PDB file of N, CA and C in Angstrom:
ATOM      1  N   MET A   1       0.818  -1.201   0.000  1.00  0.00           N
ATOM      2  CA  MET A   1       0.000   0.000   0.000  1.00  0.00           C
ATOM      3  C   MET A   1       0.851   1.249   0.000  1.00  0.00           C
ATOM      4  N   SER A   2       2.065   1.138   0.424  1.00  0.00           N
ATOM      5  CA  SER A   2       2.948   2.290   0.496  1.00  0.00           C
ATOM      6  C   SER A   2       3.204   2.892  -0.890  1.00  0.00           C
ATOM      7  N   GLU A   3       3.321   2.043  -1.899  1.00  0.00           N
ATOM      8  CA  GLU A   3       3.544   2.548  -3.258  1.00  0.00           C
ATOM      9  C   GLU A   3       2.339   3.340  -3.751  1.00  0.00           C
ATOM     10  N   VAL A   4       1.151   2.876  -3.415  1.00  0.00           N
ATOM     11  CA  VAL A   4      -0.072   3.586  -3.793  1.00  0.00           C
ATOM     12  C   VAL A   4      -0.094   4.951  -3.112  1.00  0.00           C
ATOM     13  N   ASP A   5       0.256   4.996  -1.845  1.00  0.00           N
ATOM     14  CA  ASP A   5       0.301   6.267  -1.118  1.00  0.00           C
ATOM     15  C   ASP A   5       1.309   7.215  -1.749  1.00  0.00           C
ATOM     16  N   LYS A   6       2.456   6.687  -2.137  1.00  0.00           N
ATOM     17  CA  LYS A   6       3.484   7.517  -2.765  1.00  0.00           C
ATOM     18  C   LYS A   6       2.971   8.121  -4.063  1.00  0.00           C
ATOM     19  N   LEU A   7       2.263   7.325  -4.859  1.00  0.00           N
ATOM     20  CA  LEU A   7       1.714   7.835  -6.114  1.00  0.00           C
ATOM     21  C   LEU A   7       0.648   8.897  -5.861  1.00  0.00           C
ATOM     22  N   LYS A   8      -0.195   8.671  -4.862  1.00  0.00           N
ATOM     23  CA  LYS A   8      -1.219   9.666  -4.522  1.00  0.00           C
ATOM     24  C   LYS A   8      -0.566  10.981  -4.087  1.00  0.00           C
ATOM     25  N   ASN A   9       0.481  10.880  -3.291  1.00  0.00           N
ATOM     26  CA  ASN A   9       1.166  12.075  -2.814  1.00  0.00           C
ATOM     27  C   ASN A   9       1.817  12.821  -3.970  1.00  0.00           C
ATOM     28  N   LYS A  10       2.411  12.074  -4.891  1.00  0.00           N
ATOM     29  CA  LYS A  10       3.033  12.699  -6.058  1.00  0.00           C
ATOM     30  C   LYS A  10       1.966  13.378  -6.910  1.00  0.00           C
ATOM     31  N   GLY A  11       0.793  12.727  -7.028  1.00  0.00           N
ATOM     32  CA  GLY A  11      -0.320  13.314  -7.774  1.00  0.00           C
ATOM     33  C   GLY A  11      -0.811  14.598  -7.142  1.00  0.00           C
ATOM     34  N   GLU A  12      -0.868  14.616  -5.823  1.00  0.00           N
ATOM     35  CA  GLU A  12      -1.297  15.825  -5.115  1.00  0.00           C
ATOM     36  C   GLU A  12      -0.292  16.957  -5.350  1.00  0.00           C
ATOM     37  N   GLU A  13       0.980  16.617  -5.328  1.00  0.00           N
ATOM     38  CA  GLU A  13       2.013  17.617  -5.592  1.00  0.00           C
ATOM     39  C   GLU A  13       1.879  18.164  -7.014  1.00  0.00           C
ATOM     40  N   PHE A  14       1.643  17.275  -7.975  1.00  0.00           N
ATOM     41  CA  PHE A  14       1.487  17.692  -9.365  1.00  0.00           C
ATOM     42  C   PHE A  14       0.262  18.588  -9.531  1.00  0.00           C
ATOM     43  N   LYS A  15      -0.852  18.181  -8.912  1.00  0.00           N
ATOM     44  CA  LYS A  15      -2.087  18.967  -8.982  1.00  0.00           C
ATOM     45  C   LYS A  15      -1.838  20.372  -8.422  1.00  0.00           C
ATOM     46  N   GLY A  16      -1.090  20.439  -7.325  1.00  0.00           N
ATOM     47  CA  GLY A  16      -0.763  21.738  -6.742  1.00  0.00           C
ATOM     48  C   GLY A  16       0.072  22.590  -7.664  1.00  0.00           C
ATOM     49  N   ASN A  17       0.989  21.937  -8.365  1.00  0.00           N
ATOM     50  CA  ASN A  17       1.845  22.640  -9.314  1.00  0.00           C
ATOM     51  C   ASN A  17       1.007  23.235 -10.442  1.00  0.00           C
ATOM     52  N   VAL A  18       0.044  22.458 -10.933  1.00  0.00           N
ATOM     53  CA  VAL A  18      -0.847  22.935 -11.995  1.00  0.00           C
ATOM     54  C   VAL A  18      -1.692  24.108 -11.494  1.00  0.00           C
ATOM     55  N   LYS A  19      -2.252  23.967 -10.288  1.00  0.00           N
ATOM     56  CA  LYS A  19      -3.069  25.053  -9.713  1.00  0.00           C
ATOM     57  C   LYS A  19      -2.247  26.322  -9.549  1.00  0.00           C
ATOM     58  N   GLU A  20      -1.034  26.153  -9.045  1.00  0.00           N
ATOM     59  CA  GLU A  20      -0.182  27.323  -8.840  1.00  0.00           C
ATOM     60  C   GLU A  20       0.091  28.026 -10.170  1.00  0.00           C
ATOM     61  N   GLY A  21       0.404  27.243 -11.186  1.00  0.00           N
ATOM     62  CA  GLY A  21       0.671  27.822 -12.506  1.00  0.00           C
ATOM     63  C   GLY A  21      -0.548  28.510 -13.086  1.00  0.00           C
ATOM     64  N   ALA A  22      -1.712  27.899 -12.938  1.00  0.00           N
ATOM     65  CA  ALA A  22      -2.943  28.501 -13.444  1.00  0.00           C
ATOM     66  C   ALA A  22      -3.252  29.792 -12.693  1.00  0.00           C
ATOM     67  N   GLY A  23      -3.041  29.770 -11.394  1.00  0.00           N
ATOM     68  CA  GLY A  23      -3.277  30.977 -10.597  1.00  0.00           C
ATOM     69  C   GLY A  23      -2.327  32.093 -10.974  1.00  0.00           C
ATOM     70  N   ARG A  24      -1.073  31.730 -11.206  1.00  0.00           N
ATOM     71  CA  ARG A  24      -0.084  32.725 -11.590  1.00  0.00           C
ATOM     72  C   ARG A  24      -0.424  33.304 -12.963  1.00  0.00           C
ATOM     73  N   ALA A  25      -0.815  32.428 -13.901  1.00  0.00           N
ATOM     74  CA  ALA A  25      -1.130  32.876 -15.260  1.00  0.00           C
ATOM     75  C   ALA A  25      -2.368  33.762 -15.312  1.00  0.00           C
ATOM     76  N   SER A  26      -3.351  33.463 -14.461  1.00  0.00           N
ATOM     77  CA  SER A  26      -4.597  34.225 -14.485  1.00  0.00           C
ATOM     78  C   SER A  26      -4.597  35.389 -13.497  1.00  0.00           C
ATOM     79  N   GLY A  27      -3.561  35.485 -12.676  1.00  0.00           N
ATOM     80  CA  GLY A  27      -3.506  36.547 -11.682  1.00  0.00           C
ATOM     81  C   GLY A  27      -4.354  36.256 -10.451  1.00  0.00           C
ATOM     82  N   ASP A  28      -4.787  35.009 -10.291  1.00  0.00           N
ATOM     83  CA  ASP A  28      -5.615  34.608  -9.153  1.00  0.00           C
ATOM     84  C   ASP A  28      -4.702  34.177  -8.002  1.00  0.00           C
ATOM     85  N   LYS A  29      -4.466  35.085  -7.080  1.00  0.00           N
ATOM     86  CA  LYS A  29      -3.547  34.815  -5.958  1.00  0.00           C
ATOM     87  C   LYS A  29      -4.062  33.711  -5.049  1.00  0.00           C
ATOM     88  N   ASP A  30      -5.393  33.603  -4.902  1.00  0.00           N
ATOM     89  CA  ASP A  30      -5.966  32.554  -4.056  1.00  0.00           C
ATOM     90  C   ASP A  30      -5.682  31.170  -4.645  1.00  0.00           C
ATOM     91  N   LEU A  31      -5.865  31.026  -5.945  1.00  0.00           N
ATOM     92  CA  LEU A  31      -5.600  29.753  -6.606  1.00  0.00           C
ATOM     93  C   LEU A  31      -4.115  29.413  -6.551  1.00  0.00           C
ATOM     94  N   GLU A  32      -3.292  30.415  -6.726  1.00  0.00           N
ATOM     95  CA  GLU A  32      -1.843  30.219  -6.642  1.00  0.00           C
ATOM     96  C   GLU A  32      -1.447  29.733  -5.245  1.00  0.00           C
ATOM     97  N   ALA A  33      -2.003  30.361  -4.215  1.00  0.00           N
ATOM     98  CA  ALA A  33      -1.703  29.967  -2.833  1.00  0.00           C
ATOM     99  C   ALA A  33      -2.236  28.565  -2.542  1.00  0.00           C
ATOM    100  N   GLU A  34      -3.418  28.247  -3.071  1.00  0.00           N
ATOM    101  CA  GLU A  34      -3.983  26.914  -2.883  1.00  0.00           C
ATOM    102  C   GLU A  34      -3.074  25.860  -3.528  1.00  0.00           C
ATOM    103  N   GLY A  35      -2.544  26.176  -4.692  1.00  0.00           N
ATOM    104  CA  GLY A  35      -1.623  25.267  -5.368  1.00  0.00           C
ATOM    105  C   GLY A  35      -0.351  25.056  -4.567  1.00  0.00           C
ATOM    106  N   GLN A  36       0.169  26.119  -4.002  1.00  0.00           N
ATOM    107  CA  GLN A  36       1.372  26.004  -3.178  1.00  0.00           C
ATOM    108  C   GLN A  36       1.096  25.158  -1.939  1.00  0.00           C
ATOM    109  N   ALA A  37      -0.086  25.323  -1.359  1.00  0.00           N
ATOM    110  CA  ALA A  37      -0.456  24.538  -0.178  1.00  0.00           C
ATOM    111  C   ALA A  37      -0.576  23.060  -0.535  1.00  0.00           C
ATOM    112  N   ASP A  38      -1.183  22.762  -1.687  1.00  0.00           N
ATOM    113  CA  ASP A  38      -1.313  21.370  -2.125  1.00  0.00           C
ATOM    114  C   ASP A  38       0.071  20.747  -2.340  1.00  0.00           C
ATOM    115  N   GLN A  39       0.977  21.512  -2.927  1.00  0.00           N
ATOM    116  CA  GLN A  39       2.334  21.007  -3.141  1.00  0.00           C
ATOM    117  C   GLN A  39       3.025  20.722  -1.812  1.00  0.00           C
ATOM    118  N   SER A  40       2.875  21.626  -0.877  1.00  0.00           N
ATOM    119  CA  SER A  40       3.496  21.441   0.435  1.00  0.00           C
ATOM    120  C   SER A  40       2.934  20.216   1.140  1.00  0.00           C
ATOM    121  N   LYS A  41       1.625  20.043   1.035  1.00  0.00           N
ATOM    122  CA  LYS A  41       0.984  18.889   1.666  1.00  0.00           C
ATOM    123  C   LYS A  41       1.495  17.590   1.040  1.00  0.00           C
ATOM    124  N   GLY A  42       1.606  17.576  -0.283  1.00  0.00           N
ATOM    125  CA  GLY A  42       2.129  16.396  -0.968  1.00  0.00           C
ATOM    126  C   GLY A  42       3.565  16.105  -0.582  1.00  0.00           C
ATOM    127  N   ASN A  43       4.374  17.148  -0.494  1.00  0.00           N
ATOM    128  CA  ASN A  43       5.776  16.977  -0.102  1.00  0.00           C
ATOM    129  C   ASN A  43       5.891  16.456   1.331  1.00  0.00           C
ATOM    130  N   LEU A  44       5.068  16.971   2.210  1.00  0.00           N
ATOM    131  CA  LEU A  44       5.095  16.534   3.607  1.00  0.00           C
ATOM    132  C   LEU A  44       4.699  15.068   3.722  1.00  0.00           C
ATOM    133  N   LYS A  45       3.679  14.680   2.978  1.00  0.00           N
ATOM    134  CA  LYS A  45       3.256  13.282   2.993  1.00  0.00           C
ATOM    135  C   LYS A  45       4.341  12.371   2.427  1.00  0.00           C
ATOM    136  N   GLN A  46       5.021  12.827   1.384  1.00  0.00           N
ATOM    137  CA  GLN A  46       6.113  12.035   0.814  1.00  0.00           C
ATOM    138  C   GLN A  46       7.237  11.864   1.826  1.00  0.00           C
ATOM    139  N   ALA A  47       7.527  12.909   2.552  1.00  0.00           N
ATOM    140  CA  ALA A  47       8.567  12.823   3.584  1.00  0.00           C
ATOM    141  C   ALA A  47       8.164  11.806   4.650  1.00  0.00           C
ATOM    142  N   GLY A  48       6.892  11.797   5.010  1.00  0.00           N
ATOM    143  CA  GLY A  48       6.403  10.828   5.983  1.00  0.00           C
ATOM    144  C   GLY A  48       6.552   9.401   5.481  1.00  0.00           C
ATOM    145  N   GLU A  49       6.302   9.183   4.191  1.00  0.00           N
ATOM    146  CA  GLU A  49       6.471   7.851   3.601  1.00  0.00           C
ATOM    147  C   GLU A  49       7.938   7.435   3.637  1.00  0.00           C
ATOM    148  N   LYS A  50       8.834   8.380   3.400  1.00  0.00           N
ATOM    149  CA  LYS A  50      10.263   8.070   3.444  1.00  0.00           C
ATOM    150  C   LYS A  50      10.689   7.673   4.839  1.00  0.00           C
ATOM    151  N   VAL A  51      10.139   8.343   5.845  1.00  0.00           N
ATOM    152  CA  VAL A  51      10.458   7.998   7.228  1.00  0.00           C
ATOM    153  C   VAL A  51       9.940   6.598   7.542  1.00  0.00           C
ATOM    154  N   LYS A  52       8.707   6.305   7.108  1.00  0.00           N
ATOM    155  CA  LYS A  52       8.165   4.963   7.334  1.00  0.00           C
ATOM    156  C   LYS A  52       9.045   3.902   6.675  1.00  0.00           C
ATOM    157  N   ASP A  53       9.483   4.180   5.446  1.00  0.00           N
ATOM    158  CA  ASP A  53      10.335   3.234   4.729  1.00  0.00           C
ATOM    159  C   ASP A  53      11.664   3.033   5.467  1.00  0.00           C
ATOM    160  N   ALA A  54      12.198   4.092   6.024  1.00  0.00           N
ATOM    161  CA  ALA A  54      13.471   3.996   6.739  1.00  0.00           C
ATOM    162  C   ALA A  54      13.326   3.091   7.958  1.00  0.00           C
ATOM    163  N   PHE A  55      12.198   3.185   8.641  1.00  0.00           N
ATOM    164  CA  PHE A  55      11.982   2.343   9.821  1.00  0.00           C
ATOM    165  C   PHE A  55      11.687   0.896   9.441  1.00  0.00           C
ATOM    166  N   LYS A  56      11.126   0.705   8.251  1.00  0.00           N
ATOM    167  CA  LYS A  56      10.856  -0.648   7.776  1.00  0.00           C
ATOM    168  C   LYS A  56      12.131  -1.319   7.273  1.00  0.00           C
ATOM    169  N   GLY A  57      13.135  -0.497   6.952  1.00  0.00           N
ATOM    170  CA  GLY A  57      14.378  -1.039   6.428  1.00  0.00           C
ATOM    171  C   GLY A  57      14.401  -1.155   4.926  1.00  0.00           C
ATOM    172  N   ASN A  58      13.513  -0.445   4.227  1.00  0.00           N
ATOM    173  CA  ASN A  58      13.479  -0.446   2.757  1.00  0.00           C
ATOM    174  C   ASN A  58      14.422   0.568   2.207  1.00  0.00           C
TER     175      ASN A  58
END
């Protein structure tokens, strides 16, 4: 299940990147900030998966 979680987290990061770009292109600061938040959340979750993997010995 860890691989599925990693893919979901990467997808969330990508979605945030797209939102940020769309917000920047359209001048929508709220959308840009939402995209940055989604990216941060995805990155944080990925870091958590790496910590879990380290404790598992992977």
